[in-house]
Amino acid sequence: MMALIQLAVGGVLIVIGLLTVCMAVLGVFRFRYVLNRMHAAAMGDSLGILFIILGLMVLNGFCFGTLKLLLIVIFFWLAGPVSSHMIGKLEVQINEDLEKECEVPENGNV
C-alpha cells in the first residue's frame, strides 16, 4: 500500500513538473520581447525541474541517489536565476532600441 502511495505522489509531482515546463515553452513562443521570453523560460525551467526531481526523489525513496538529486536541485536553483539575470542585464546594456520594446525609467537606472 505504501508503494502505491509513493508511486502516486511521485507521478503527480512529475506530471506537475512536465505541465510547468510545457507552459514555459508556450510562454517562450508567445512573448515577443527577448526578456519576456527569457523570464518565462527561466521561471518555468526552475519550477518544472524542481517538481520533476522531487517526484524522482519520492519514487527513489531515501538513499544516496536521493541526496544526489537534492544536490542537482540546489545547483539548478542557484545557477538558473543567476545566469538568466546576467543574460538579461547584458540585453539591457547592449540593446539600443530598448525604449521601443519596453518602458525605461526616467533616471535611466535599470
N, C-alpha and C. Protein backbone atom coordinates (compact mmCIF):
# COMPACT_ATOMS: atom_id res chain seq x y z
N MET A 1 0.82 -1.20 0.00
CA MET A 1 0.00 0.00 0.00
C MET A 1 0.86 1.26 0.00
N MET A 2 1.94 1.23 0.79
CA MET A 2 2.83 2.39 0.85
C MET A 2 3.51 2.64 -0.50
N ALA A 3 3.86 1.57 -1.20
CA ALA A 3 4.50 1.71 -2.51
C ALA A 3 3.53 2.34 -3.52
N LEU A 4 2.25 2.04 -3.39
CA LEU A 4 1.26 2.62 -4.29
C LEU A 4 1.09 4.12 -4.04
N ILE A 5 1.10 4.51 -2.77
CA ILE A 5 1.03 5.93 -2.42
C ILE A 5 2.28 6.66 -2.91
N GLN A 6 3.43 6.03 -2.73
CA GLN A 6 4.70 6.61 -3.18
C GLN A 6 4.68 6.79 -4.69
N LEU A 7 4.18 5.81 -5.42
CA LEU A 7 4.08 5.90 -6.87
C LEU A 7 3.12 7.00 -7.30
N ALA A 8 1.99 7.12 -6.62
CA ALA A 8 1.01 8.15 -6.97
C ALA A 8 1.56 9.55 -6.71
N VAL A 9 2.16 9.76 -5.54
CA VAL A 9 2.71 11.09 -5.22
C VAL A 9 3.85 11.45 -6.18
N GLY A 10 4.75 10.51 -6.44
CA GLY A 10 5.84 10.75 -7.38
C GLY A 10 5.35 11.04 -8.78
N GLY A 11 4.34 10.29 -9.21
CA GLY A 11 3.78 10.52 -10.54
C GLY A 11 3.11 11.87 -10.67
N VAL A 12 2.37 12.27 -9.63
CA VAL A 12 1.71 13.58 -9.66
C VAL A 12 2.74 14.70 -9.71
N LEU A 13 3.81 14.59 -8.93
CA LEU A 13 4.85 15.62 -8.95
C LEU A 13 5.52 15.71 -10.32
N ILE A 14 5.78 14.58 -10.93
CA ILE A 14 6.41 14.58 -12.26
C ILE A 14 5.46 15.19 -13.30
N VAL A 15 4.19 14.86 -13.23
CA VAL A 15 3.22 15.43 -14.18
C VAL A 15 3.11 16.94 -13.98
N ILE A 16 3.08 17.41 -12.73
CA ILE A 16 3.04 18.85 -12.48
C ILE A 16 4.28 19.52 -13.06
N GLY A 17 5.44 18.89 -12.89
CA GLY A 17 6.67 19.44 -13.46
C GLY A 17 6.64 19.50 -14.97
N LEU A 18 6.12 18.45 -15.60
CA LEU A 18 6.03 18.45 -17.06
C LEU A 18 5.06 19.50 -17.57
N LEU A 19 3.93 19.67 -16.88
CA LEU A 19 2.98 20.71 -17.28
C LEU A 19 3.59 22.10 -17.11
N THR A 20 4.37 22.30 -16.07
CA THR A 20 5.03 23.59 -15.86
C THR A 20 6.02 23.88 -16.98
N VAL A 21 6.80 22.88 -17.35
CA VAL A 21 7.76 23.07 -18.43
C VAL A 21 7.03 23.33 -19.76
N CYS A 22 5.92 22.64 -19.99
CA CYS A 22 5.15 22.88 -21.22
C CYS A 22 4.57 24.28 -21.27
N MET A 23 4.12 24.80 -20.13
CA MET A 23 3.62 26.17 -20.09
C MET A 23 4.75 27.17 -20.33
N ALA A 24 5.95 26.85 -19.85
CA ALA A 24 7.09 27.72 -20.09
C ALA A 24 7.44 27.76 -21.58
N VAL A 25 7.36 26.61 -22.23
CA VAL A 25 7.61 26.56 -23.68
C VAL A 25 6.56 27.38 -24.42
N LEU A 26 5.32 27.29 -24.00
CA LEU A 26 4.26 28.10 -24.60
C LEU A 26 4.55 29.59 -24.40
N GLY A 27 5.02 29.97 -23.22
CA GLY A 27 5.37 31.36 -22.96
C GLY A 27 6.52 31.84 -23.82
N VAL A 28 7.48 30.96 -24.07
CA VAL A 28 8.62 31.34 -24.93
C VAL A 28 8.13 31.62 -26.34
N PHE A 29 7.20 30.84 -26.84
CA PHE A 29 6.71 31.06 -28.20
C PHE A 29 5.72 32.21 -28.29
N ARG A 30 5.06 32.54 -27.19
CA ARG A 30 4.02 33.56 -27.23
C ARG A 30 4.52 34.98 -27.07
N PHE A 31 5.51 35.17 -26.22
CA PHE A 31 6.01 36.52 -25.97
C PHE A 31 6.86 37.01 -27.13
N ARG A 32 6.84 38.34 -27.33
CA ARG A 32 7.60 38.91 -28.45
C ARG A 32 9.00 39.34 -28.02
N TYR A 33 9.09 39.98 -26.87
CA TYR A 33 10.37 40.58 -26.46
C TYR A 33 11.25 39.53 -25.80
N VAL A 34 12.55 39.63 -26.03
CA VAL A 34 13.50 38.62 -25.59
C VAL A 34 13.54 38.49 -24.06
N LEU A 35 13.41 39.58 -23.33
CA LEU A 35 13.45 39.48 -21.87
C LEU A 35 12.21 38.78 -21.32
N ASN A 36 11.07 39.00 -21.94
CA ASN A 36 9.86 38.28 -21.53
C ASN A 36 9.99 36.79 -21.82
N ARG A 37 10.54 36.47 -22.96
CA ARG A 37 10.75 35.06 -23.30
C ARG A 37 11.71 34.40 -22.33
N MET A 38 12.78 35.13 -22.01
CA MET A 38 13.77 34.57 -21.11
C MET A 38 13.19 34.37 -19.71
N HIS A 39 12.35 35.30 -19.26
CA HIS A 39 11.73 35.17 -17.95
C HIS A 39 10.81 33.95 -17.90
N ALA A 40 10.03 33.76 -18.94
CA ALA A 40 9.14 32.60 -18.98
C ALA A 40 9.94 31.31 -18.97
N ALA A 41 11.02 31.28 -19.72
CA ALA A 41 11.84 30.08 -19.78
C ALA A 41 12.53 29.81 -18.45
N ALA A 42 13.07 30.84 -17.83
CA ALA A 42 13.82 30.64 -16.59
C ALA A 42 12.91 30.23 -15.44
N MET A 43 11.77 30.87 -15.31
CA MET A 43 10.86 30.54 -14.22
C MET A 43 10.26 29.15 -14.41
N GLY A 44 9.81 28.86 -15.61
CA GLY A 44 9.23 27.55 -15.87
C GLY A 44 10.25 26.43 -15.76
N ASP A 45 11.45 26.70 -16.19
CA ASP A 45 12.53 25.73 -16.12
C ASP A 45 12.86 25.40 -14.67
N SER A 46 13.04 26.42 -13.85
CA SER A 46 13.39 26.20 -12.44
C SER A 46 12.29 25.45 -11.70
N LEU A 47 11.06 25.89 -11.86
CA LEU A 47 9.95 25.26 -11.16
C LEU A 47 9.66 23.86 -11.70
N GLY A 48 9.73 23.70 -13.01
CA GLY A 48 9.49 22.39 -13.61
C GLY A 48 10.53 21.37 -13.19
N ILE A 49 11.80 21.77 -13.20
CA ILE A 49 12.86 20.85 -12.78
C ILE A 49 12.70 20.49 -11.31
N LEU A 50 12.30 21.48 -10.48
CA LEU A 50 12.09 21.19 -9.06
C LEU A 50 11.03 20.10 -8.88
N PHE A 51 9.88 20.25 -9.53
CA PHE A 51 8.82 19.26 -9.36
C PHE A 51 9.21 17.90 -9.93
N ILE A 52 9.87 17.89 -11.07
CA ILE A 52 10.26 16.61 -11.67
C ILE A 52 11.26 15.87 -10.78
N ILE A 53 12.25 16.59 -10.28
CA ILE A 53 13.25 15.93 -9.44
C ILE A 53 12.67 15.57 -8.08
N LEU A 54 11.76 16.37 -7.54
CA LEU A 54 11.08 15.97 -6.30
C LEU A 54 10.29 14.68 -6.52
N GLY A 55 9.63 14.57 -7.67
CA GLY A 55 8.93 13.33 -7.99
C GLY A 55 9.86 12.14 -8.08
N LEU A 56 11.02 12.36 -8.69
CA LEU A 56 12.01 11.28 -8.77
C LEU A 56 12.55 10.91 -7.39
N MET A 57 12.68 11.93 -6.51
CA MET A 57 13.14 11.65 -5.15
C MET A 57 12.12 10.81 -4.38
N VAL A 58 10.84 11.13 -4.57
CA VAL A 58 9.79 10.35 -3.90
C VAL A 58 9.78 8.92 -4.44
N LEU A 59 9.90 8.77 -5.74
CA LEU A 59 9.91 7.43 -6.33
C LEU A 59 11.14 6.63 -5.93
N ASN A 60 12.27 7.31 -5.77
CA ASN A 60 13.52 6.64 -5.46
C ASN A 60 13.60 6.22 -4.00
N GLY A 61 12.90 6.90 -3.12
CA GLY A 61 13.00 6.60 -1.69
C GLY A 61 14.22 7.28 -1.09
N PHE A 62 14.45 7.01 0.17
CA PHE A 62 15.59 7.64 0.86
C PHE A 62 16.83 6.79 0.69
N CYS A 63 17.76 7.29 -0.14
CA CYS A 63 19.02 6.59 -0.35
C CYS A 63 20.05 7.61 -0.85
N PHE A 64 21.21 7.12 -1.25
CA PHE A 64 22.27 8.01 -1.71
C PHE A 64 21.88 8.71 -3.01
N GLY A 65 21.11 8.06 -3.84
CA GLY A 65 20.63 8.67 -5.08
C GLY A 65 19.74 9.88 -4.82
N THR A 66 18.97 9.84 -3.74
CA THR A 66 18.12 10.97 -3.38
C THR A 66 18.97 12.18 -3.01
N LEU A 67 20.08 11.95 -2.33
CA LEU A 67 20.99 13.04 -1.99
C LEU A 67 21.58 13.66 -3.25
N LYS A 68 21.91 12.85 -4.21
CA LYS A 68 22.41 13.37 -5.49
C LYS A 68 21.36 14.22 -6.20
N LEU A 69 20.12 13.76 -6.19
CA LEU A 69 19.04 14.53 -6.80
C LEU A 69 18.82 15.85 -6.07
N LEU A 70 18.96 15.86 -4.75
CA LEU A 70 18.83 17.08 -3.99
C LEU A 70 19.95 18.06 -4.34
N LEU A 71 21.15 17.57 -4.54
CA LEU A 71 22.26 18.44 -4.96
C LEU A 71 22.01 19.03 -6.35
N ILE A 72 21.39 18.26 -7.23
CA ILE A 72 21.05 18.78 -8.56
C ILE A 72 20.02 19.90 -8.45
N VAL A 73 19.01 19.72 -7.59
CA VAL A 73 18.01 20.77 -7.38
C VAL A 73 18.66 22.03 -6.85
N ILE A 74 19.53 21.89 -5.87
CA ILE A 74 20.21 23.06 -5.29
C ILE A 74 21.05 23.76 -6.35
N PHE A 75 21.77 23.00 -7.17
CA PHE A 75 22.59 23.60 -8.23
C PHE A 75 21.72 24.37 -9.23
N PHE A 76 20.63 23.76 -9.68
CA PHE A 76 19.76 24.44 -10.64
C PHE A 76 19.12 25.68 -10.05
N TRP A 77 18.73 25.63 -8.79
CA TRP A 77 18.08 26.78 -8.17
C TRP A 77 19.06 27.89 -7.88
N LEU A 78 20.36 27.60 -7.80
CA LEU A 78 21.36 28.66 -7.63
C LEU A 78 21.87 29.18 -8.97
N ALA A 79 22.09 28.29 -9.92
CA ALA A 79 22.70 28.69 -11.19
C ALA A 79 21.69 29.29 -12.17
N GLY A 80 20.46 28.80 -12.19
CA GLY A 80 19.47 29.26 -13.15
C GLY A 80 19.13 30.74 -13.03
N PRO A 81 18.71 31.21 -11.86
CA PRO A 81 18.38 32.64 -11.73
C PRO A 81 19.58 33.56 -11.94
N VAL A 82 20.75 33.13 -11.50
CA VAL A 82 21.94 33.97 -11.68
C VAL A 82 22.28 34.11 -13.15
N SER A 83 22.25 33.01 -13.89
CA SER A 83 22.59 33.09 -15.31
C SER A 83 21.53 33.88 -16.09
N SER A 84 20.25 33.70 -15.77
CA SER A 84 19.25 34.46 -16.50
C SER A 84 19.31 35.94 -16.15
N HIS A 85 19.67 36.28 -14.91
CA HIS A 85 19.84 37.69 -14.55
C HIS A 85 21.01 38.30 -15.32
N MET A 86 22.10 37.58 -15.45
CA MET A 86 23.26 38.09 -16.18
C MET A 86 22.94 38.28 -17.67
N ILE A 87 22.22 37.35 -18.26
CA ILE A 87 21.85 37.49 -19.67
C ILE A 87 20.89 38.67 -19.85
N GLY A 88 19.93 38.83 -18.93
CA GLY A 88 19.00 39.96 -19.00
C GLY A 88 19.71 41.29 -18.84
N LYS A 89 20.67 41.35 -17.94
CA LYS A 89 21.43 42.59 -17.73
C LYS A 89 22.24 42.93 -18.98
N LEU A 90 22.81 41.92 -19.62
CA LEU A 90 23.55 42.15 -20.86
C LEU A 90 22.63 42.67 -21.96
N GLU A 91 21.43 42.12 -22.06
CA GLU A 91 20.47 42.57 -23.07
C GLU A 91 20.09 44.03 -22.84
N VAL A 92 19.88 44.41 -21.60
CA VAL A 92 19.52 45.80 -21.29
C VAL A 92 20.67 46.74 -21.63
N GLN A 93 21.91 46.30 -21.39
CA GLN A 93 23.06 47.16 -21.63
C GLN A 93 23.38 47.34 -23.11
N ILE A 94 23.16 46.31 -23.93
CA ILE A 94 23.59 46.41 -25.33
C ILE A 94 22.45 46.71 -26.30
N ASN A 95 21.20 46.63 -25.86
CA ASN A 95 20.08 46.87 -26.77
C ASN A 95 19.89 48.37 -26.97
N GLU A 96 20.08 48.83 -28.19
CA GLU A 96 19.94 50.25 -28.49
C GLU A 96 18.48 50.66 -28.65
N ASP A 97 17.61 49.73 -28.97
CA ASP A 97 16.19 50.02 -29.18
C ASP A 97 15.35 49.60 -27.97
N LEU A 98 15.90 49.73 -26.79
CA LEU A 98 15.20 49.27 -25.59
C LEU A 98 13.93 50.08 -25.33
N GLU A 99 13.95 51.35 -25.67
CA GLU A 99 12.78 52.20 -25.43
C GLU A 99 11.59 51.76 -26.27
N LYS A 100 11.83 51.19 -27.44
CA LYS A 100 10.76 50.71 -28.30
C LYS A 100 10.13 49.43 -27.75
N GLU A 101 10.94 48.63 -27.08
CA GLU A 101 10.48 47.32 -26.62
C GLU A 101 9.76 47.37 -25.28
N CYS A 102 10.22 48.23 -24.37
CA CYS A 102 9.63 48.28 -23.03
C CYS A 102 9.79 49.65 -22.42
N GLU A 103 9.18 49.83 -21.24
CA GLU A 103 9.27 51.12 -20.55
C GLU A 103 10.63 51.23 -19.86
N VAL A 104 11.27 52.37 -19.99
CA VAL A 104 12.56 52.63 -19.37
C VAL A 104 12.35 53.70 -18.30
N PRO A 105 12.87 53.51 -17.08
CA PRO A 105 12.69 54.53 -16.04
C PRO A 105 13.30 55.86 -16.44
N GLU A 106 12.75 56.95 -15.89
CA GLU A 106 13.19 58.31 -16.23
C GLU A 106 14.66 58.55 -15.91
N ASN A 107 15.13 58.06 -14.76
CA ASN A 107 16.50 58.35 -14.35
C ASN A 107 17.52 57.45 -15.04
N GLY A 108 17.08 56.51 -15.81
CA GLY A 108 17.99 55.67 -16.58
C GLY A 108 18.50 54.46 -15.84
N ASN A 109 18.18 54.33 -14.55
CA ASN A 109 18.61 53.14 -13.79
C ASN A 109 17.72 51.97 -14.14
N VAL A 110 18.34 50.85 -14.36
CA VAL A 110 17.58 49.65 -14.71
C VAL A 110 17.74 48.62 -13.64
